[in-house]
N, C-alpha and C. Protein backbone atom coordinates (compact mmCIF):
# COMPACT_ATOMS: atom_id res chain seq x y z
N UNK A 1 0.86 -1.11 0.00
CA UNK A 1 0.00 0.00 0.05
C UNK A 1 0.86 1.22 -0.03
N UNK A 2 0.66 2.17 -0.94
CA UNK A 2 1.53 3.30 -1.04
C UNK A 2 0.93 4.47 0.02
N UNK A 3 1.65 5.44 0.09
CA UNK A 3 1.31 6.51 1.01
C UNK A 3 -0.01 7.33 0.52
N UNK A 4 -0.12 7.17 -0.90
CA UNK A 4 -1.34 7.95 -1.55
C UNK A 4 -2.56 7.05 -1.09
N UNK A 5 -2.53 5.79 -1.00
CA UNK A 5 -3.66 4.93 -0.73
C UNK A 5 -4.12 5.23 0.76
N UNK A 6 -3.19 5.65 1.63
CA UNK A 6 -3.59 5.95 3.02
C UNK A 6 -4.15 7.32 3.11
N UNK A 7 -3.87 8.31 2.31
CA UNK A 7 -4.32 9.50 2.36
C UNK A 7 -5.73 9.72 1.69
N UNK A 8 -6.79 9.78 2.54
CA UNK A 8 -8.14 9.92 1.99
C UNK A 8 -8.63 11.33 2.00
N UNK A 9 -8.01 12.18 2.56
CA UNK A 9 -8.61 13.61 2.66
C UNK A 9 -8.42 14.26 1.32
N UNK A 10 -9.59 14.72 0.61
CA UNK A 10 -9.43 15.24 -0.71
C UNK A 10 -8.70 16.63 -0.71
N UNK A 11 -8.71 17.40 0.49
CA UNK A 11 -7.82 18.64 0.39
C UNK A 11 -6.38 18.37 0.31
N UNK A 12 -5.87 17.27 1.07
CA UNK A 12 -4.49 16.98 0.98
C UNK A 12 -4.27 16.33 -0.36
N UNK A 13 -5.06 15.57 -0.98
CA UNK A 13 -4.73 14.91 -2.29
C UNK A 13 -4.72 16.13 -3.33
N UNK A 14 -5.49 17.13 -3.10
CA UNK A 14 -5.42 18.24 -4.16
C UNK A 14 -3.94 18.90 -3.98
N UNK A 15 -3.51 19.06 -2.74
CA UNK A 15 -2.17 19.68 -2.69
C UNK A 15 -1.12 18.87 -3.29
N UNK A 16 -1.16 17.47 -3.21
CA UNK A 16 -0.10 16.70 -3.70
C UNK A 16 -0.43 16.12 -5.15
N UNK A 17 -1.51 16.68 -5.82
CA UNK A 17 -1.90 16.27 -7.11
C UNK A 17 -0.76 16.48 -8.08
N UNK A 18 -0.03 17.58 -7.90
CA UNK A 18 1.05 17.96 -8.81
C UNK A 18 2.21 16.88 -8.66
N UNK A 19 2.65 16.41 -9.87
CA UNK A 19 3.70 15.41 -9.87
C UNK A 19 4.87 15.78 -9.09
N UNK A 20 5.37 17.12 -9.15
CA UNK A 20 6.47 17.38 -8.42
C UNK A 20 6.28 17.23 -6.94
N UNK A 21 5.16 17.57 -6.37
CA UNK A 21 4.81 17.41 -4.97
C UNK A 21 4.64 15.92 -4.63
N UNK A 22 4.19 15.10 -5.38
CA UNK A 22 4.18 13.57 -5.23
C UNK A 22 5.56 13.10 -5.06
N UNK A 23 6.49 13.58 -5.89
CA UNK A 23 7.95 13.21 -5.86
C UNK A 23 8.48 13.62 -4.53
N UNK A 24 8.10 14.83 -4.06
CA UNK A 24 8.74 15.18 -2.72
C UNK A 24 8.25 14.38 -1.60
N UNK A 25 6.89 14.03 -1.65
CA UNK A 25 6.40 13.23 -0.59
C UNK A 25 7.01 11.77 -0.53
N UNK A 26 7.08 11.19 -1.80
CA UNK A 26 7.56 9.82 -1.83
C UNK A 26 9.02 9.77 -1.70
N UNK A 27 9.83 10.66 -2.21
CA UNK A 27 11.38 10.62 -2.05
C UNK A 27 11.76 11.37 -0.92
N UNK A 28 10.93 12.18 -0.16
CA UNK A 28 11.36 12.95 0.97
C UNK A 28 12.48 13.77 0.66
N UNK A 29 12.53 14.29 -0.56
CA UNK A 29 13.76 15.19 -0.92
C UNK A 29 13.30 16.34 -1.78
N UNK A 30 13.80 17.50 -1.59
CA UNK A 30 13.57 18.66 -2.30
C UNK A 30 14.88 18.95 -3.01
N UNK A 31 14.77 19.24 -4.37
CA UNK A 31 15.91 19.59 -5.13
C UNK A 31 15.62 20.92 -5.75
N UNK A 32 16.52 21.92 -5.49
CA UNK A 32 16.33 23.25 -6.03
C UNK A 32 17.60 23.60 -6.89
N UNK A 33 17.41 23.96 -8.18
CA UNK A 33 18.62 24.24 -9.07
C UNK A 33 19.21 25.66 -8.73
N UNK A 34 20.37 25.77 -9.05
CA UNK A 34 21.06 27.09 -8.94
C UNK A 34 20.28 28.12 -9.90
N UNK A 35 19.79 27.65 -11.00
CA UNK A 35 19.17 28.53 -11.99
C UNK A 35 18.04 29.11 -11.30
N UNK A 36 17.17 28.32 -10.54
CA UNK A 36 16.09 28.80 -9.91
C UNK A 36 16.47 30.00 -8.87
N UNK A 37 17.53 29.65 -8.14
CA UNK A 37 18.00 30.80 -7.12
C UNK A 37 18.45 31.98 -7.85
N UNK A 38 19.05 31.75 -9.09
CA UNK A 38 19.48 32.96 -9.80
C UNK A 38 18.29 33.77 -10.27
N UNK A 39 17.35 33.17 -10.82
CA UNK A 39 16.25 33.77 -11.27
C UNK A 39 15.28 34.43 -10.13
N UNK A 40 15.10 33.75 -9.14
CA UNK A 40 14.21 34.23 -8.12
C UNK A 40 14.84 35.15 -7.07
N UNK A 41 16.21 35.03 -6.79
CA UNK A 41 16.81 35.77 -5.79
C UNK A 41 18.07 36.83 -6.36
N UNK A 42 18.86 36.12 -7.01
CA UNK A 42 20.06 37.01 -7.43
C UNK A 42 19.57 38.15 -8.43
N UNK A 43 18.71 37.79 -9.30
CA UNK A 43 18.29 38.90 -10.28
C UNK A 43 17.64 40.00 -9.65
N UNK A 44 17.01 39.83 -8.44
CA UNK A 44 16.47 41.10 -7.67
C UNK A 44 17.46 41.88 -6.93
N UNK A 45 18.70 41.32 -6.74
CA UNK A 45 19.65 41.91 -5.84
C UNK A 45 20.54 42.96 -6.63
N UNK A 46 20.48 42.91 -7.96
CA UNK A 46 21.36 43.61 -8.75
C UNK A 46 20.81 45.18 -8.87
N UNK A 47 21.72 45.99 -8.87
CA UNK A 47 21.43 47.45 -9.03
C UNK A 47 22.57 48.18 -9.65
N UNK A 48 22.65 49.51 -9.59
CA UNK A 48 23.78 50.23 -10.22
C UNK A 48 25.12 50.06 -9.45
N UNK A 49 25.06 49.68 -8.15
CA UNK A 49 26.41 49.54 -7.43
C UNK A 49 26.77 47.96 -7.42
N UNK A 50 25.78 47.05 -7.49
CA UNK A 50 26.20 45.65 -7.61
C UNK A 50 25.59 45.05 -8.86
N UNK A 51 26.52 44.50 -9.58
CA UNK A 51 26.07 43.97 -10.95
C UNK A 51 26.92 42.67 -11.22
N UNK A 52 26.49 41.87 -12.28
CA UNK A 52 27.09 40.72 -12.76
C UNK A 52 27.13 39.68 -11.56
N UNK A 53 26.00 39.62 -10.77
CA UNK A 53 25.93 38.68 -9.77
C UNK A 53 25.61 37.28 -10.38
N UNK A 54 26.13 36.27 -9.71
CA UNK A 54 25.89 34.89 -10.12
C UNK A 54 26.03 33.96 -8.89
N UNK A 55 25.22 32.90 -8.85
CA UNK A 55 25.28 32.03 -7.70
C UNK A 55 25.46 30.49 -8.43
N UNK A 56 26.41 29.84 -7.74
CA UNK A 56 26.67 28.56 -8.20
C UNK A 56 26.76 27.59 -6.96
N UNK A 57 26.47 26.35 -7.11
CA UNK A 57 26.54 25.39 -6.12
C UNK A 57 27.50 24.31 -6.45
N UNK A 58 28.37 23.94 -5.55
CA UNK A 58 29.44 22.85 -5.75
C UNK A 58 29.22 21.92 -4.67
N UNK A 59 29.95 20.87 -4.70
CA UNK A 59 29.86 19.73 -3.65
C UNK A 59 30.35 20.39 -2.38
N UNK A 60 29.30 20.56 -1.59
CA UNK A 60 29.56 20.96 -0.07
C UNK A 60 29.40 22.40 0.16
N UNK A 61 29.35 23.18 -0.80
CA UNK A 61 29.21 24.61 -0.61
C UNK A 61 28.65 25.31 -1.89
N UNK A 62 28.25 26.62 -1.48
CA UNK A 62 27.73 27.51 -2.57
C UNK A 62 28.58 28.71 -2.65
N UNK A 63 28.49 29.37 -3.75
CA UNK A 63 29.30 30.55 -3.95
C UNK A 63 28.56 31.58 -4.78
N UNK A 64 28.55 32.81 -4.31
CA UNK A 64 28.01 34.06 -5.04
C UNK A 64 29.18 34.92 -5.36
N UNK A 65 29.06 35.44 -6.60
CA UNK A 65 30.14 36.32 -7.18
C UNK A 65 29.51 37.43 -7.96
N UNK A 66 30.28 38.52 -8.12
CA UNK A 66 29.78 39.62 -8.82
C UNK A 66 30.85 40.72 -8.69
N UNK A 67 30.32 41.95 -9.04
CA UNK A 67 31.13 43.11 -9.08
C UNK A 67 30.43 44.22 -8.37
N UNK A 68 31.25 45.17 -7.52
CA UNK A 68 30.57 46.16 -6.92
C UNK A 68 31.31 47.43 -7.47
N UNK A 69 30.54 48.47 -7.54
CA UNK A 69 31.13 49.80 -8.15
C UNK A 69 30.61 50.90 -7.12
N UNK A 70 31.41 51.57 -6.49
CA UNK A 70 31.07 52.78 -5.64
C UNK A 70 31.26 54.09 -6.46
N UNK A 71 30.59 55.10 -6.19
CA UNK A 71 30.67 56.35 -6.93
C UNK A 71 32.07 56.91 -6.88
N UNK A 72 32.78 56.76 -5.78
CA UNK A 72 34.02 57.26 -5.64
C UNK A 72 35.21 56.59 -6.35
N UNK A 73 34.88 55.31 -6.76
CA UNK A 73 35.96 54.39 -7.38
C UNK A 73 35.62 54.35 -8.84
N UNK A 74 36.52 54.67 -9.67
CA UNK A 74 36.20 54.73 -11.11
C UNK A 74 36.06 53.26 -11.94
N UNK A 75 36.26 52.11 -11.16
CA UNK A 75 36.18 50.96 -11.68
C UNK A 75 35.44 49.92 -10.76
N UNK A 76 35.02 48.77 -11.27
CA UNK A 76 34.27 47.84 -10.55
C UNK A 76 35.19 46.91 -9.81
N UNK A 77 34.89 46.50 -8.69
CA UNK A 77 35.68 45.53 -7.99
C UNK A 77 34.95 44.20 -7.85
N UNK A 78 35.74 43.18 -8.33
CA UNK A 78 35.10 41.85 -8.35
C UNK A 78 35.16 41.29 -6.96
N UNK A 79 34.17 40.45 -6.63
CA UNK A 79 34.13 39.86 -5.21
C UNK A 79 33.48 38.48 -5.39
N UNK A 80 33.76 37.46 -4.47
CA UNK A 80 33.08 36.21 -4.36
C UNK A 80 32.96 35.87 -2.91
N UNK A 81 31.99 35.20 -2.61
CA UNK A 81 31.89 34.71 -1.17
C UNK A 81 31.35 33.28 -1.25
N UNK A 82 32.10 32.46 -0.47
CA UNK A 82 31.78 31.06 -0.37
C UNK A 82 30.95 30.82 1.04
N UNK A 83 29.95 29.89 0.86
CA UNK A 83 29.13 29.80 2.09
C UNK A 83 28.62 28.32 2.20
N UNK A 84 28.37 27.86 3.37
CA UNK A 84 27.87 26.68 3.77
C UNK A 84 26.80 26.67 4.65
N UNK A 85 26.09 25.57 4.89
CA UNK A 85 25.05 25.42 5.76
C UNK A 85 25.56 25.42 7.28
N UNK A 86 25.18 26.33 8.02
CA UNK A 86 25.64 26.31 9.51
C UNK A 86 24.58 25.52 10.29
N UNK A 87 23.28 25.90 10.27
CA UNK A 87 22.37 25.08 10.91
C UNK A 87 20.95 25.36 10.35
N UNK A 88 19.84 24.41 10.79
CA UNK A 88 18.58 24.58 10.26
C UNK A 88 17.78 24.39 11.45
N UNK A 89 16.66 25.43 11.49
CA UNK A 89 15.58 25.35 12.44
C UNK A 89 14.33 25.06 11.77
N UNK A 90 13.78 23.92 11.74
CA UNK A 90 12.53 23.68 11.05
C UNK A 90 11.52 23.05 11.94
N UNK A 91 10.98 24.00 12.78
CA UNK A 91 9.99 23.46 13.82
C UNK A 91 8.64 24.08 13.57
N UNK A 92 7.62 23.78 14.27
CA UNK A 92 6.32 24.32 14.02
C UNK A 92 6.27 25.90 14.25
N UNK A 93 7.24 26.29 15.18
CA UNK A 93 7.31 27.77 15.32
C UNK A 93 8.19 28.61 14.50
N UNK A 94 9.33 27.96 14.13
CA UNK A 94 10.22 28.72 13.15
C UNK A 94 10.82 27.75 12.03
N UNK A 95 10.90 28.32 10.90
CA UNK A 95 11.46 27.58 9.70
C UNK A 95 12.69 28.48 9.11
N UNK A 96 13.79 28.25 9.70
CA UNK A 96 14.97 29.17 9.33
C UNK A 96 16.14 28.20 8.85
N UNK A 97 16.85 28.84 7.95
CA UNK A 97 18.05 28.13 7.43
C UNK A 97 19.12 29.31 7.58
N UNK A 98 20.35 28.83 8.29
CA UNK A 98 21.34 29.79 8.52
C UNK A 98 22.55 29.29 7.70
N UNK A 99 23.02 30.20 6.91
CA UNK A 99 24.36 29.96 6.15
C UNK A 99 25.43 30.77 6.60
N UNK A 100 26.52 30.16 6.65
CA UNK A 100 27.76 30.71 7.19
C UNK A 100 28.64 31.19 6.01
N UNK A 101 29.04 32.49 6.04
CA UNK A 101 30.00 32.90 5.00
C UNK A 101 31.32 32.43 5.43
N UNK A 102 31.95 31.69 4.54
CA UNK A 102 33.36 30.99 4.94
C UNK A 102 34.44 31.75 4.37
N UNK A 103 34.27 32.30 3.22
CA UNK A 103 35.39 32.86 2.60
C UNK A 103 34.93 34.01 1.60
N UNK A 104 35.62 35.21 1.86
CA UNK A 104 35.19 36.39 0.84
C UNK A 104 36.44 36.71 0.28
N UNK A 105 36.41 36.91 -1.14
CA UNK A 105 37.59 37.36 -1.83
C UNK A 105 37.25 38.52 -2.69
N UNK A 106 38.14 39.39 -2.89
CA UNK A 106 39.52 39.55 -2.61
C UNK A 106 39.63 40.13 -1.02
N UNK A 107 38.61 40.83 -0.59
CA UNK A 107 38.66 41.28 0.78
C UNK A 107 37.29 41.07 1.29
N UNK A 108 37.17 40.95 2.63
CA UNK A 108 35.86 40.81 3.23
C UNK A 108 35.30 42.24 3.53
N UNK A 109 34.27 42.71 2.54
CA UNK A 109 33.77 44.04 2.78
C UNK A 109 32.27 43.80 3.26
N UNK A 110 32.23 44.03 4.52
CA UNK A 110 30.81 43.63 5.18
C UNK A 110 29.68 44.51 4.44
N UNK A 111 29.95 45.65 4.06
CA UNK A 111 28.81 46.51 3.56
C UNK A 111 28.24 45.91 2.19
N UNK A 112 29.22 45.30 1.40
CA UNK A 112 28.83 44.58 0.19
C UNK A 112 27.87 43.36 0.48
N UNK A 113 28.37 42.47 1.37
CA UNK A 113 27.54 41.38 1.76
C UNK A 113 26.16 41.76 2.35
N UNK A 114 26.19 42.74 3.21
CA UNK A 114 24.87 43.29 3.84
C UNK A 114 24.03 43.89 2.65
N UNK A 115 24.55 44.55 1.83
CA UNK A 115 23.76 45.32 0.70
C UNK A 115 23.10 44.18 -0.23
N UNK A 116 23.89 43.11 -0.56
CA UNK A 116 23.35 42.09 -1.40
C UNK A 116 22.19 41.32 -0.58
N UNK A 117 22.42 40.99 0.60
CA UNK A 117 21.46 40.10 1.33
C UNK A 117 20.25 40.99 1.73
N UNK A 118 20.41 42.21 2.09
CA UNK A 118 19.20 42.93 2.53
C UNK A 118 18.29 43.41 1.46
N UNK A 119 18.68 43.21 0.17
CA UNK A 119 17.87 43.49 -0.91
C UNK A 119 16.73 42.42 -1.04
N UNK A 120 16.99 41.27 -0.48
CA UNK A 120 15.95 40.16 -0.51
C UNK A 120 15.23 40.13 0.71
N UNK A 121 13.90 40.33 0.83
CA UNK A 121 13.20 40.59 2.08
C UNK A 121 13.12 39.43 3.02
N UNK A 122 13.32 38.29 2.65
CA UNK A 122 13.46 37.09 3.57
C UNK A 122 14.69 36.71 4.12
N UNK A 123 15.78 37.56 3.71
CA UNK A 123 17.16 37.20 4.22
C UNK A 123 17.52 38.25 5.15
N UNK A 124 18.37 37.97 6.07
CA UNK A 124 19.07 38.88 7.00
C UNK A 124 20.57 38.45 7.12
N UNK A 125 21.26 39.40 7.55
CA UNK A 125 22.72 39.22 7.75
C UNK A 125 23.26 39.84 9.07
N UNK A 126 24.04 38.87 9.87
CA UNK A 126 24.54 39.39 11.05
C UNK A 126 25.84 38.59 11.29
N UNK A 127 26.95 39.21 11.46
CA UNK A 127 28.21 38.71 11.80
C UNK A 127 28.59 37.45 11.01
N UNK A 128 28.57 37.45 9.76
CA UNK A 128 28.94 36.34 8.92
C UNK A 128 28.00 35.38 8.71
N UNK A 129 26.77 35.51 9.14
CA UNK A 129 25.68 34.56 9.04
C UNK A 129 24.48 35.13 8.25
N UNK A 130 24.02 34.40 7.26
CA UNK A 130 22.77 34.75 6.50
C UNK A 130 21.69 33.93 6.93
N UNK A 131 20.69 34.60 7.47
CA UNK A 131 19.40 33.83 7.92
C UNK A 131 18.34 33.97 6.90
N UNK A 132 17.75 32.87 6.54
CA UNK A 132 16.63 32.86 5.42
C UNK A 132 15.43 32.35 6.28
N UNK A 133 14.45 33.17 6.43
CA UNK A 133 13.11 32.81 6.95
C UNK A 133 12.34 32.25 5.88
N UNK A 134 12.11 30.92 5.92
CA UNK A 134 11.34 30.25 4.87
C UNK A 134 9.83 30.61 4.78
N UNK A 135 9.34 31.02 6.02
CA UNK A 135 7.87 31.38 5.99
C UNK A 135 7.68 32.67 5.24
N UNK A 136 8.61 33.51 4.84
CA UNK A 136 8.55 34.80 4.29
C UNK A 136 8.88 34.61 2.72
N UNK A 137 9.34 33.37 2.24
CA UNK A 137 9.56 33.19 0.91
C UNK A 137 8.24 33.13 0.16
N UNK A 138 7.99 34.01 -0.79
CA UNK A 138 6.69 33.99 -1.45
C UNK A 138 6.19 32.67 -2.09
N UNK A 139 7.08 31.85 -2.60
CA UNK A 139 6.77 30.67 -3.25
C UNK A 139 6.48 29.62 -2.21
N UNK A 140 6.92 29.64 -0.99
CA UNK A 140 6.73 28.68 0.00
C UNK A 140 5.54 29.07 0.94
N UNK A 141 5.15 30.24 1.05
CA UNK A 141 4.12 30.68 2.05
C UNK A 141 2.87 29.87 2.03
N UNK A 142 2.34 29.65 0.82
CA UNK A 142 1.17 28.83 0.70
C UNK A 142 1.35 27.47 1.06
N UNK A 143 2.36 26.88 0.72
CA UNK A 143 2.64 25.47 1.16
C UNK A 143 2.88 25.35 2.79
N UNK A 144 3.68 26.27 3.25
CA UNK A 144 3.95 26.24 4.71
C UNK A 144 2.71 26.59 5.63
N UNK A 145 1.71 27.30 4.99
CA UNK A 145 0.57 27.75 5.69
C UNK A 145 -0.72 26.76 5.53
N UNK A 146 -0.52 25.78 4.60
CA UNK A 146 -1.56 24.95 4.26
C UNK A 146 -1.92 24.09 5.50
N UNK A 147 -3.27 24.05 5.74
CA UNK A 147 -3.78 23.29 6.93
C UNK A 147 -4.98 22.38 6.53
N UNK A 148 -5.03 21.38 7.28
CA UNK A 148 -6.21 20.44 7.20
C UNK A 148 -6.92 20.49 8.64
N UNK A 149 -8.14 20.82 8.67
CA UNK A 149 -8.84 20.88 10.03
C UNK A 149 -8.11 21.61 11.02
N UNK A 150 -7.54 22.76 10.65
CA UNK A 150 -6.86 23.57 11.69
C UNK A 150 -5.28 23.17 12.02
N UNK A 151 -4.90 22.08 11.34
CA UNK A 151 -3.50 21.50 11.56
C UNK A 151 -2.63 21.76 10.36
N UNK A 152 -1.50 22.45 10.54
CA UNK A 152 -0.72 22.73 9.49
C UNK A 152 0.10 21.55 9.11
N UNK A 153 0.13 21.10 7.74
CA UNK A 153 0.72 19.96 7.40
C UNK A 153 2.12 20.02 7.61
N UNK A 154 2.84 21.23 7.35
CA UNK A 154 4.29 21.36 7.38
C UNK A 154 4.75 21.21 8.95
N UNK A 155 3.95 21.27 9.81
CA UNK A 155 4.30 21.05 11.24
C UNK A 155 4.73 19.61 11.41
N UNK A 156 4.37 18.76 10.50
CA UNK A 156 4.73 17.30 10.60
C UNK A 156 5.99 16.95 9.71
N UNK A 157 6.61 18.02 9.15
CA UNK A 157 7.83 17.87 8.27
C UNK A 157 9.03 18.60 9.01
N UNK A 158 10.05 18.13 8.70
CA UNK A 158 11.50 18.74 9.22
C UNK A 158 12.39 18.57 8.06
N UNK A 159 13.34 19.39 8.00
CA UNK A 159 14.48 19.25 7.19
C UNK A 159 15.63 18.57 7.93
N UNK A 160 15.86 17.39 7.61
CA UNK A 160 16.92 16.57 8.22
C UNK A 160 18.35 17.00 7.88
N UNK A 161 18.41 17.45 6.65
CA UNK A 161 19.81 17.68 5.99
C UNK A 161 19.56 18.62 5.00
N UNK A 162 20.55 19.44 4.64
CA UNK A 162 20.59 20.39 3.60
C UNK A 162 21.97 20.34 3.02
N UNK A 163 22.02 19.92 1.71
CA UNK A 163 23.32 19.70 0.98
C UNK A 163 23.44 20.49 -0.23
N UNK A 164 24.66 20.77 -0.57
CA UNK A 164 25.03 21.44 -1.79
C UNK A 164 25.76 20.33 -2.61
N UNK A 165 25.13 20.30 -3.84
CA UNK A 165 25.70 19.38 -4.98
C UNK A 165 25.95 20.33 -6.11
N UNK A 166 26.64 19.78 -7.06
CA UNK A 166 27.02 20.46 -8.37
C UNK A 166 25.82 20.94 -8.98
N UNK A 167 25.47 22.17 -8.98
CA UNK A 167 24.37 22.74 -9.75
C UNK A 167 23.03 22.73 -8.86
N UNK A 168 22.99 22.20 -7.71
CA UNK A 168 21.64 22.22 -7.01
C UNK A 168 21.90 22.13 -5.53
N UNK A 169 20.87 22.47 -4.77
CA UNK A 169 20.71 22.34 -3.40
C UNK A 169 19.58 21.23 -3.05
N UNK A 170 20.01 20.41 -2.17
CA UNK A 170 19.11 19.25 -1.82
C UNK A 170 18.74 19.31 -0.37
N UNK A 171 17.41 19.22 -0.17
CA UNK A 171 16.87 19.30 1.22
C UNK A 171 16.31 17.90 1.52
N UNK A 172 16.77 17.23 2.54
CA UNK A 172 16.15 15.81 2.92
C UNK A 172 15.24 16.13 3.99
N UNK A 173 13.99 15.63 3.68
CA UNK A 173 12.86 15.89 4.56
C UNK A 173 12.65 14.69 5.48
N UNK A 174 12.23 15.00 6.74
CA UNK A 174 11.82 13.95 7.60
C UNK A 174 10.26 14.03 7.99
N UNK A 175 9.65 13.12 8.46
CA UNK A 175 8.24 13.19 8.91
C UNK A 175 8.21 13.05 10.38
N UNK A 176 7.50 13.80 11.12
CA UNK A 176 7.38 13.88 12.58
C UNK A 176 5.94 13.60 12.82
N UNK A 177 5.66 12.28 13.10
CA UNK A 177 4.27 11.80 13.39
C UNK A 177 4.10 11.61 14.94
């Protein structure tokens, strides 16, 4: 008997009718490509001071790079920042992912990191750590708020592990019953 045979609630079946969601439920894994992050996050962070931004995922870490130009400097300064997963809080009360900035090249310029991060409303930056509030991500709000008879479905999910692989980020989900 599959998990779908056990689910009789039509509202929940409507939620997982999409093939992508069925795959998430059966494999307990979410895969997000670096192209998605570039389209949804990085493209929004570019302006006249910060340009040529790109984000890439490698085995074990992610990297964001670009160029910054200040009005007093006649040329653009390239930068890159490497980051990894520091910790994950995925509880009924909070759903946060914390990324630790591991290496910034050529110099660690805090205002550049802060400027890039704070252009995205659901991200914040403090002392080398980027916090992502998943409940504020527009694409996830509907899913995280979905409830059946007053019970939020995502309260029974947790992110057990978050990994970076070549070209994608993988979240392994767990069920809390």
